[in-house]
Amino acid sequence: MEYLHRTVDQELDELLPHASAIALDGPKGVGKTDTAKRRASSMWFLDDPAQRAVAEADFSLSTLATGTVLIDEWQRLPAVWDSVRRQVDQGSPPGRFILTGSATPVDAAGTHSGAGRILSLRMRPMGLHERAIETPTVSLSKVLTGEHPEVRGETRISLKDYAHQIAGGGFPGIMPVPPRLQRAMLDAYLQRIIDRDLPEQGFEVRRPETLRRWLAAYAAATSTTASYSRILDATTGGDGAQPAKTTTIAYRDHLTRLWLLDPIPGWIPANNAIRRLQQAPKHHLADPALAARFLDLTATSLLSGAGAGMIGPLFESLCALSVRIAAQASEARVRHLRTNAGEHEIDLLIEGVDGQLVGAEVKLAPQVSSGDVQHLLWLRDQLPDQVVDLMVLTTGTTAYRRSDGIAVVPLALLGA
């Protein structure tokens, strides 16, 4: 299968000549190993029992070959992390180590954070701009400069295409296959998490069906700030049984370690410029396709009455995935903004490295009205010195700027 360029590739190209060790973190199947292998001169796969046994016998890794060394699934042997950190302290050259991991270690307390020695980069499933279905014409990095770059471009990507991208997901090994096989592979992916990955993290799933119900309730809350108590209430089974709150807290903790949950935090400004803001996160799974599978939604049903209530939240989740990947390349963070009473909210708030802000609203329909931008205009009025640009992400065909300066960008045309 042809390798599709990832946004994190440009980050690695920029950082490897200067950093001795870089860790690529993210859920299984997002392509961490393939991306790292393209830069490695030697490789260790610690999910291979034989190679792990050799590494266990020499925690110092003193016999490694020269060049860039890839240590894959490092969390299978957490002591390797500390060995890498020590070698960095001892003067390892730039580009010496790439570590990939699909879970944080069970006993993280025994592993040094690596702060200042090992640089961590998050790798998510592929954003829309990475899937080679369209050529982006609007760069988020240029938008973040505050120079109001020209917004232009046309796309033939339609709502039907977006539904297929939501249902098919951004896992490189799953994307190219027919829809029926995609669904089977995504179901198997989720089953593996329940049957194998969670137990390997030391979490015994006593009632797998209860966990699936909780995950389905979490998926149904995609792109909302629903309280965890409401998600728990929605987990009640047909027999009236409901998991204990402590059980669902354990679900959240362990699924977060596996990078399966990927909520967007609420934005809290350092200077308290806007008061009475919610801190509750917006709920997202690692990929909207996983949410669709928990809810038994296909590309076809998303466009019918059965999926009418979820196509909007899942499109927003696809936007969030793409924006977070693009923002990371520019050292920017993505948050959401919602006042306590809910009178104002911004779907995605992108905060640049210098504190500059870009507000983005998500609209499923192709047209944008004055009512669709009122919260963005409010944000600009509240923070005129910080807000450098505003945009609405749509399913339309044309990218342009409105007379009020707000960019209207079809998601397919937004790139890093």
Protein backbone atom coordinates (compact mmCIF):
# COMPACT_ATOMS: atom_id res chain seq x y z
CA MET A 1 0.00 0.00 0.00
CA GLU A 2 1.32 3.43 -0.96
CA TYR A 3 2.42 5.55 1.98
CA LEU A 4 0.31 8.67 2.41
CA HIS A 5 2.21 11.69 3.71
CA ARG A 6 1.26 12.58 7.27
CA THR A 7 1.31 16.03 8.84
CA VAL A 8 3.50 14.65 11.61
CA ASP A 9 6.11 13.85 8.93
CA GLN A 10 6.94 17.55 8.63
CA GLU A 11 7.21 17.78 12.43
CA LEU A 12 9.62 14.84 12.50
CA ASP A 13 11.67 16.32 9.65
CA GLU A 14 11.93 19.58 11.55
CA LEU A 15 12.71 18.12 14.98
CA LEU A 16 14.81 14.98 14.40
CA PRO A 17 17.94 16.89 13.34
CA HIS A 18 17.91 18.54 16.78
CA ALA A 19 16.24 16.13 19.24
CA SER A 20 18.00 13.00 20.46
CA ALA A 21 14.78 11.13 21.21
CA ILE A 22 11.21 11.53 19.98
CA ALA A 23 8.21 9.48 21.11
CA LEU A 24 5.22 9.04 18.81
CA ASP A 25 2.14 8.40 20.95
CA GLY A 26 -1.32 7.41 19.80
CA PRO A 27 -3.84 4.59 19.48
CA LYS A 28 -3.10 1.35 17.69
CA GLY A 29 -3.39 1.34 13.93
CA VAL A 30 -2.79 5.04 13.22
CA GLY A 31 0.47 4.39 11.35
CA LYS A 32 3.08 5.26 13.98
CA THR A 33 5.36 2.36 13.06
CA ASP A 34 5.21 2.95 9.29
CA THR A 35 5.96 6.64 9.75
CA ALA A 36 8.85 5.97 12.13
CA LYS A 37 10.34 3.15 9.98
CA ARG A 38 10.91 5.61 7.14
CA ARG A 39 13.52 7.34 9.31
CA ALA A 40 15.08 4.38 11.16
CA SER A 41 18.29 2.56 10.34
CA SER A 42 17.55 -0.24 12.84
CA MET A 43 14.37 -1.40 14.56
CA TRP A 44 13.28 -3.16 17.74
CA PHE A 45 9.70 -4.44 18.00
CA LEU A 46 8.89 -5.02 21.65
CA ASP A 47 5.57 -6.69 20.90
CA ASP A 48 7.76 -9.54 19.57
CA PRO A 49 8.50 -11.79 22.60
CA ALA A 50 11.94 -12.74 21.27
CA GLN A 51 13.07 -9.16 20.75
CA ARG A 52 11.56 -8.10 24.05
CA ALA A 53 13.52 -10.85 25.84
CA VAL A 54 16.77 -9.54 24.36
CA ALA A 55 15.92 -6.00 25.42
CA GLU A 56 15.04 -7.21 28.93
CA ALA A 57 18.48 -8.75 29.19
CA ASP A 58 20.14 -5.40 28.41
CA PHE A 59 18.17 -2.44 29.74
CA SER A 60 21.09 -0.16 28.90
CA LEU A 61 20.62 -0.83 25.15
CA SER A 62 24.38 -0.57 24.92
CA THR A 63 24.62 -2.93 21.94
CA LEU A 64 22.38 -0.93 19.60
CA ALA A 65 23.64 -0.19 16.12
CA THR A 66 24.57 3.34 15.12
CA GLY A 67 22.09 5.61 13.39
CA THR A 68 18.43 6.19 14.22
CA VAL A 69 16.93 3.39 16.30
CA LEU A 70 13.20 2.71 16.31
CA ILE A 71 11.84 1.11 19.49
CA ASP A 72 8.30 0.06 18.70
CA GLU A 73 5.61 -0.50 21.39
CA TRP A 74 8.05 0.65 24.07
CA GLN A 75 5.36 0.47 26.77
CA ARG A 76 5.68 -3.35 26.66
CA LEU A 77 9.00 -2.83 28.47
CA PRO A 78 8.82 0.52 30.30
CA ALA A 79 12.41 0.21 31.56
CA VAL A 80 13.53 0.92 27.98
CA TRP A 81 12.14 4.46 28.33
CA ASP A 82 14.46 5.14 31.25
CA SER A 83 17.37 3.59 29.35
CA VAL A 84 16.76 5.93 26.43
CA ARG A 85 16.51 8.89 28.81
CA ARG A 86 19.86 7.97 30.37
CA GLN A 87 21.54 7.68 26.97
CA VAL A 88 20.19 11.12 26.06
CA ASP A 89 21.65 12.46 29.32
CA GLN A 90 24.97 10.91 28.34
CA GLY A 91 25.08 12.77 25.04
CA SER A 92 23.24 10.74 22.40
CA PRO A 93 23.40 12.54 19.03
CA PRO A 94 20.33 14.15 17.45
CA GLY A 95 17.96 11.71 15.76
CA ARG A 96 19.22 8.76 17.81
CA PHE A 97 15.88 7.33 19.04
CA ILE A 98 12.28 7.16 17.88
CA LEU A 99 9.93 5.44 20.29
CA THR A 100 6.37 4.49 19.38
CA GLY A 101 3.71 3.57 21.90
CA SER A 102 -0.02 2.79 21.81
CA ALA A 103 -0.55 2.95 25.57
CA THR A 104 0.97 4.58 28.60
CA PRO A 105 2.58 2.04 30.95
CA VAL A 106 0.47 0.37 33.62
CA ASP A 107 2.83 1.61 36.34
CA ALA A 108 3.64 5.06 35.04
CA ALA A 109 4.89 6.08 38.48
CA GLY A 110 7.99 3.96 38.00
CA THR A 111 8.91 5.57 34.69
CA HIS A 112 10.68 8.90 34.49
CA SER A 113 8.65 11.47 32.56
CA GLY A 114 11.47 12.12 30.13
CA ALA A 115 10.81 15.85 30.32
CA GLY A 116 13.59 17.75 28.62
CA ARG A 117 15.07 14.55 27.16
CA ILE A 118 12.36 12.76 25.17
CA LEU A 119 10.06 14.87 23.02
CA SER A 120 6.52 13.48 22.71
CA LEU A 121 4.44 13.95 19.56
CA ARG A 122 0.80 12.89 19.35
CA MET A 123 -0.22 10.90 16.28
CA ARG A 124 -3.91 10.52 15.55
CA PRO A 125 -5.87 8.70 12.83
CA MET A 126 -5.59 10.48 9.49
CA GLY A 127 -7.29 13.85 9.17
CA LEU A 128 -9.25 14.56 6.03
CA HIS A 129 -6.40 16.59 4.53
CA GLU A 130 -4.10 13.54 4.87
CA ARG A 131 -6.37 11.09 3.03
CA ALA A 132 -5.56 12.28 -0.52
CA ILE A 133 -9.21 12.79 -1.49
CA GLU A 134 -8.73 16.49 -2.24
CA THR A 135 -5.98 19.09 -2.51
CA PRO A 136 -6.32 21.63 0.33
CA THR A 137 -6.21 25.29 -0.65
CA VAL A 138 -6.46 26.92 2.81
CA SER A 139 -3.53 26.48 5.21
CA LEU A 140 -4.25 26.63 8.94
CA SER A 141 -0.65 27.63 9.61
CA LYS A 142 -1.11 30.70 7.40
CA VAL A 143 -4.44 31.52 9.03
CA LEU A 144 -2.68 31.47 12.41
CA THR A 145 -0.24 34.17 11.27
CA GLY A 146 -3.02 36.73 11.47
CA GLU A 147 -2.26 38.03 7.98
CA HIS A 148 -5.72 37.10 6.65
CA PRO A 149 -4.48 34.97 3.76
CA GLU A 150 -6.55 34.66 0.61
CA VAL A 151 -9.31 32.06 1.00
CA ARG A 152 -10.18 30.36 -2.23
CA GLY A 153 -10.74 26.98 -3.84
CA GLU A 154 -13.42 24.65 -5.13
CA THR A 155 -14.18 21.04 -4.23
CA ARG A 156 -16.55 18.36 -5.44
CA ILE A 157 -16.55 16.61 -2.07
CA SER A 158 -20.21 16.36 -1.02
CA LEU A 159 -22.11 15.49 2.15
CA LYS A 160 -22.32 11.91 0.88
CA ASP A 161 -18.51 11.82 0.61
CA TYR A 162 -18.14 13.21 4.14
CA ALA A 163 -20.48 10.48 5.42
CA HIS A 164 -18.24 7.85 3.81
CA GLN A 165 -15.15 9.46 5.37
CA ILE A 166 -16.81 9.48 8.79
CA ALA A 167 -17.86 5.82 8.54
CA GLY A 168 -14.61 4.61 6.97
CA GLY A 169 -12.30 6.32 9.44
CA GLY A 170 -8.69 7.44 9.27
CA PHE A 171 -6.82 4.22 10.10
CA PRO A 172 -4.41 3.64 7.18
CA GLY A 173 -4.85 -0.14 7.16
CA ILE A 174 -8.65 0.10 7.11
CA MET A 175 -9.27 3.05 4.78
CA PRO A 176 -8.53 1.36 1.40
CA VAL A 177 -10.82 -1.68 1.78
CA PRO A 178 -14.50 -1.96 0.79
CA PRO A 179 -17.11 -0.64 3.27
CA ARG A 180 -18.24 -4.07 4.47
CA LEU A 181 -14.69 -5.06 5.32
CA GLN A 182 -14.09 -1.62 6.90
CA ARG A 183 -16.97 -2.26 9.28
CA ALA A 184 -15.72 -5.74 10.13
CA MET A 185 -12.19 -4.46 10.76
CA LEU A 186 -13.40 -1.56 12.93
CA ASP A 187 -15.57 -3.98 14.94
CA ALA A 188 -12.57 -6.26 15.40
CA TYR A 189 -10.45 -3.27 16.45
CA LEU A 190 -12.94 -2.36 19.17
CA GLN A 191 -13.33 -5.96 20.28
CA ARG A 192 -9.57 -6.30 20.62
CA ILE A 193 -9.48 -3.29 22.93
CA ILE A 194 -12.05 -4.91 25.20
CA ASP A 195 -10.73 -8.48 25.03
CA ARG A 196 -6.97 -7.93 24.93
CA ASP A 197 -5.68 -4.37 25.24
CA LEU A 198 -7.50 -3.47 28.44
CA PRO A 199 -6.50 -6.73 30.20
CA GLU A 200 -2.89 -6.14 29.10
CA GLN A 201 -3.14 -2.78 30.88
CA GLY A 202 -4.14 -4.62 34.05
CA PHE A 203 -7.86 -3.84 33.81
CA GLU A 204 -10.17 -6.84 34.03
CA VAL A 205 -13.35 -6.32 32.03
CA ARG A 206 -15.81 -8.39 34.03
CA ARG A 207 -18.85 -7.42 31.98
CA PRO A 208 -17.82 -6.64 28.40
CA GLU A 209 -21.38 -5.82 27.36
CA THR A 210 -21.62 -3.16 30.07
CA LEU A 211 -18.40 -1.56 28.80
CA ARG A 212 -19.77 -1.61 25.25
CA ARG A 213 -22.97 0.08 26.46
CA TRP A 214 -20.92 2.77 28.21
CA LEU A 215 -18.83 3.33 25.08
CA ALA A 216 -21.99 3.54 22.96
CA ALA A 217 -23.36 6.15 25.38
CA TYR A 218 -20.07 8.04 25.16
CA ALA A 219 -20.23 7.83 21.34
CA ALA A 220 -23.79 9.20 21.39
CA ALA A 221 -22.45 12.19 23.35
CA THR A 222 -19.87 12.99 20.64
CA SER A 223 -19.25 16.74 20.24
CA THR A 224 -21.25 17.57 23.39
CA THR A 225 -20.28 18.51 26.93
CA ALA A 226 -22.75 16.03 28.44
CA SER A 227 -21.84 15.25 32.04
CA TYR A 228 -20.41 11.86 32.84
CA SER A 229 -23.42 11.25 35.09
CA ARG A 230 -25.71 11.63 32.06
CA ILE A 231 -23.51 9.25 30.08
CA LEU A 232 -23.74 6.82 32.98
CA ASP A 233 -27.54 7.13 33.02
CA ALA A 234 -27.61 6.31 29.30
CA THR A 235 -25.65 3.12 30.00
CA THR A 236 -28.57 1.45 31.81
CA GLY A 237 -29.35 -1.91 30.23
CA GLY A 238 -32.69 -3.41 29.35
CA ASP A 239 -32.77 -5.15 32.71
CA GLY A 240 -32.32 -1.84 34.53
CA ALA A 241 -28.74 -2.68 35.53
CA GLN A 242 -26.26 0.18 35.59
CA PRO A 243 -22.51 0.08 36.21
CA ALA A 244 -21.17 1.72 39.35
CA LYS A 245 -19.70 5.20 39.02
CA THR A 246 -16.32 3.87 40.17
CA THR A 247 -16.44 1.33 37.35
CA THR A 248 -17.03 3.95 34.69
CA ILE A 249 -14.24 6.11 36.11
CA ALA A 250 -11.96 3.10 35.65
CA TYR A 251 -13.24 2.76 32.06
CA ARG A 252 -12.29 6.38 31.37
CA ASP A 253 -8.84 6.09 32.93
CA HIS A 254 -7.85 2.93 31.07
CA LEU A 255 -9.37 3.94 27.73
CA THR A 256 -7.49 7.22 27.99
CA ARG A 257 -4.25 5.28 28.49
CA LEU A 258 -5.00 3.51 25.21
CA TRP A 259 -5.62 6.90 23.53
CA LEU A 260 -9.15 5.77 22.59
CA LEU A 261 -10.83 8.75 24.26
CA ASP A 262 -9.75 12.11 22.84
CA PRO A 263 -11.88 14.84 24.45
CA ILE A 264 -11.35 18.53 23.69
CA PRO A 265 -10.84 20.55 26.90
CA GLY A 266 -12.71 23.75 27.59
CA TRP A 267 -10.67 26.92 27.06
CA ILE A 268 -9.72 28.78 30.21
CA PRO A 269 -7.86 32.03 29.41
CA ALA A 270 -4.85 32.81 31.57
CA ASN A 271 -5.93 36.41 32.02
CA ASN A 272 -9.59 35.58 32.73
CA ALA A 273 -10.63 37.85 29.88
CA ILE A 274 -14.00 36.11 29.54
CA ARG A 275 -15.66 35.10 32.78
CA ARG A 276 -18.02 32.24 33.56
CA LEU A 277 -16.63 29.71 31.09
CA GLN A 278 -17.35 25.99 31.25
CA GLN A 279 -14.42 23.68 31.87
CA ALA A 280 -16.27 20.50 30.85
CA PRO A 281 -14.62 18.76 27.88
CA LYS A 282 -16.29 18.04 24.56
CA HIS A 283 -16.44 14.29 24.09
CA HIS A 284 -14.68 12.65 21.15
CA LEU A 285 -13.39 9.17 20.44
CA ALA A 286 -10.04 8.83 18.67
CA ASP A 287 -11.85 8.58 15.33
CA PRO A 288 -15.50 9.34 14.48
CA ALA A 289 -15.65 5.98 12.70
CA LEU A 290 -15.34 4.27 16.08
CA ALA A 291 -18.31 6.25 17.37
CA ALA A 292 -20.28 5.29 14.26
CA ARG A 293 -19.56 1.60 14.86
CA PHE A 294 -20.65 1.74 18.51
CA LEU A 295 -23.91 3.30 17.29
CA ASP A 296 -24.30 0.86 14.35
CA LEU A 297 -24.28 3.71 11.83
CA THR A 298 -23.04 3.35 8.27
CA ALA A 299 -22.42 5.96 5.58
CA THR A 300 -25.90 5.23 4.23
CA SER A 301 -27.73 5.37 7.56
CA LEU A 302 -25.95 8.62 8.49
CA LEU A 303 -27.79 10.22 5.58
CA SER A 304 -31.15 8.73 6.50
CA GLY A 305 -33.59 9.18 9.34
CA ALA A 306 -31.71 6.62 11.46
CA GLY A 307 -28.56 8.71 11.58
CA ALA A 308 -29.99 12.20 11.19
CA GLY A 309 -29.30 13.04 14.81
CA MET A 310 -25.63 12.02 14.64
CA ILE A 311 -24.39 13.18 11.23
CA GLY A 312 -23.84 16.71 12.60
CA PRO A 313 -21.91 15.70 15.75
CA LEU A 314 -19.83 13.17 13.81
CA PHE A 315 -19.02 15.72 11.10
CA GLU A 316 -17.88 18.06 13.87
CA SER A 317 -15.75 15.22 15.24
CA LEU A 318 -14.16 14.76 11.80
CA CYS A 319 -13.47 18.51 11.71
CA ALA A 320 -11.98 18.35 15.20
CA LEU A 321 -9.68 15.47 14.21
CA SER A 322 -8.42 17.30 11.12
CA VAL A 323 -7.99 20.64 12.89
CA ARG A 324 -6.09 19.10 15.82
CA ILE A 325 -3.62 17.42 13.47
CA ALA A 326 -3.09 20.61 11.48
CA ALA A 327 -2.84 22.76 14.61
CA GLN A 328 -0.20 20.51 16.19
CA ALA A 329 2.09 21.12 13.22
CA SER A 330 1.97 24.84 14.07
CA GLU A 331 2.51 24.29 17.82
CA ALA A 332 -1.11 25.31 18.40
CA ARG A 333 -3.62 23.82 20.82
CA VAL A 334 -7.31 23.18 20.18
CA ARG A 335 -9.96 23.91 22.81
CA HIS A 336 -13.66 24.72 22.78
CA LEU A 337 -15.38 27.66 24.41
CA ARG A 338 -18.76 27.67 26.12
CA THR A 339 -20.13 30.10 28.66
CA ASN A 340 -21.75 28.58 31.72
CA ALA A 341 -25.29 29.42 30.64
CA GLY A 342 -24.58 28.31 27.06
CA GLU A 343 -25.45 31.68 25.52
CA HIS A 344 -22.14 31.71 23.63
CA GLU A 345 -20.04 28.83 22.35
CA ILE A 346 -17.25 28.29 19.84
CA ASP A 347 -16.89 24.75 18.49
CA LEU A 348 -13.10 24.87 18.04
CA LEU A 349 -10.77 27.50 19.44
CA ILE A 350 -7.23 27.24 18.07
CA GLU A 351 -4.61 28.91 20.27
CA GLY A 352 -1.26 29.58 18.65
CA VAL A 353 2.14 29.45 20.31
CA ASP A 354 2.11 33.23 20.80
CA GLY A 355 -1.39 33.28 22.27
CA GLN A 356 -3.14 34.24 19.05
CA LEU A 357 -6.64 32.80 18.61
CA VAL A 358 -8.57 31.47 15.64
CA GLY A 359 -12.21 30.67 16.28
CA ALA A 360 -13.90 28.01 14.15
CA GLU A 361 -17.54 27.02 13.96
CA VAL A 362 -18.72 23.81 12.30
CA LYS A 363 -21.79 23.81 10.07
CA LEU A 364 -23.11 20.69 8.37
CA ALA A 365 -24.99 22.63 5.70
CA PRO A 366 -23.11 24.18 2.76
CA GLN A 367 -24.50 27.72 3.18
CA VAL A 368 -23.53 30.13 5.95
CA SER A 369 -25.96 32.74 7.27
CA SER A 370 -25.48 35.70 9.59
CA GLY A 371 -26.89 33.65 12.46
CA ASP A 372 -24.16 31.05 11.96
CA VAL A 373 -21.39 33.56 12.69
CA GLN A 374 -22.84 35.51 15.61
CA HIS A 375 -20.76 33.66 18.21
CA LEU A 376 -17.59 34.23 16.18
CA LEU A 377 -18.31 37.96 15.94
CA TRP A 378 -18.97 38.03 19.69
CA LEU A 379 -15.57 36.38 20.28
CA ARG A 380 -13.82 38.97 18.14
CA ASP A 381 -15.56 41.78 20.03
CA GLN A 382 -14.53 40.27 23.37
CA LEU A 383 -10.87 39.64 22.48
CA PRO A 384 -9.93 42.00 19.63
CA ASP A 385 -6.21 41.87 20.44
CA GLN A 386 -6.03 38.06 20.47
CA VAL A 387 -8.41 36.92 17.76
CA VAL A 388 -6.44 36.93 14.51
CA ASP A 389 -8.96 35.15 12.30
CA LEU A 390 -12.33 33.39 12.27
CA MET A 391 -13.72 30.62 10.10
CA VAL A 392 -16.72 28.39 9.49
CA LEU A 393 -16.04 24.82 8.38
CA THR A 394 -18.78 23.54 6.09
CA THR A 395 -19.78 20.80 3.64
CA GLY A 396 -20.01 23.35 0.82
CA THR A 397 -18.06 23.52 -2.43
CA THR A 398 -16.39 26.97 -2.35
CA ALA A 399 -13.90 28.59 0.01
CA TYR A 400 -14.25 32.37 0.36
CA ARG A 401 -14.23 35.28 2.81
CA ARG A 402 -17.43 36.98 3.82
CA SER A 403 -17.69 40.76 3.89
CA ASP A 404 -17.24 40.64 7.70
CA GLY A 405 -13.84 38.95 7.21
CA ILE A 406 -14.91 35.49 8.34
CA ALA A 407 -13.50 32.67 6.21
CA VAL A 408 -15.92 30.03 4.95
CA VAL A 409 -13.95 26.85 4.29
CA PRO A 410 -15.22 23.46 3.11
CA LEU A 411 -13.49 20.93 5.38
CA ALA A 412 -11.99 19.14 2.35
CA LEU A 413 -10.07 22.32 1.47
CA LEU A 414 -8.50 22.89 4.91
CA GLY A 415 -4.89 21.75 5.28
CA ALA A 416 -2.02 22.17 7.69
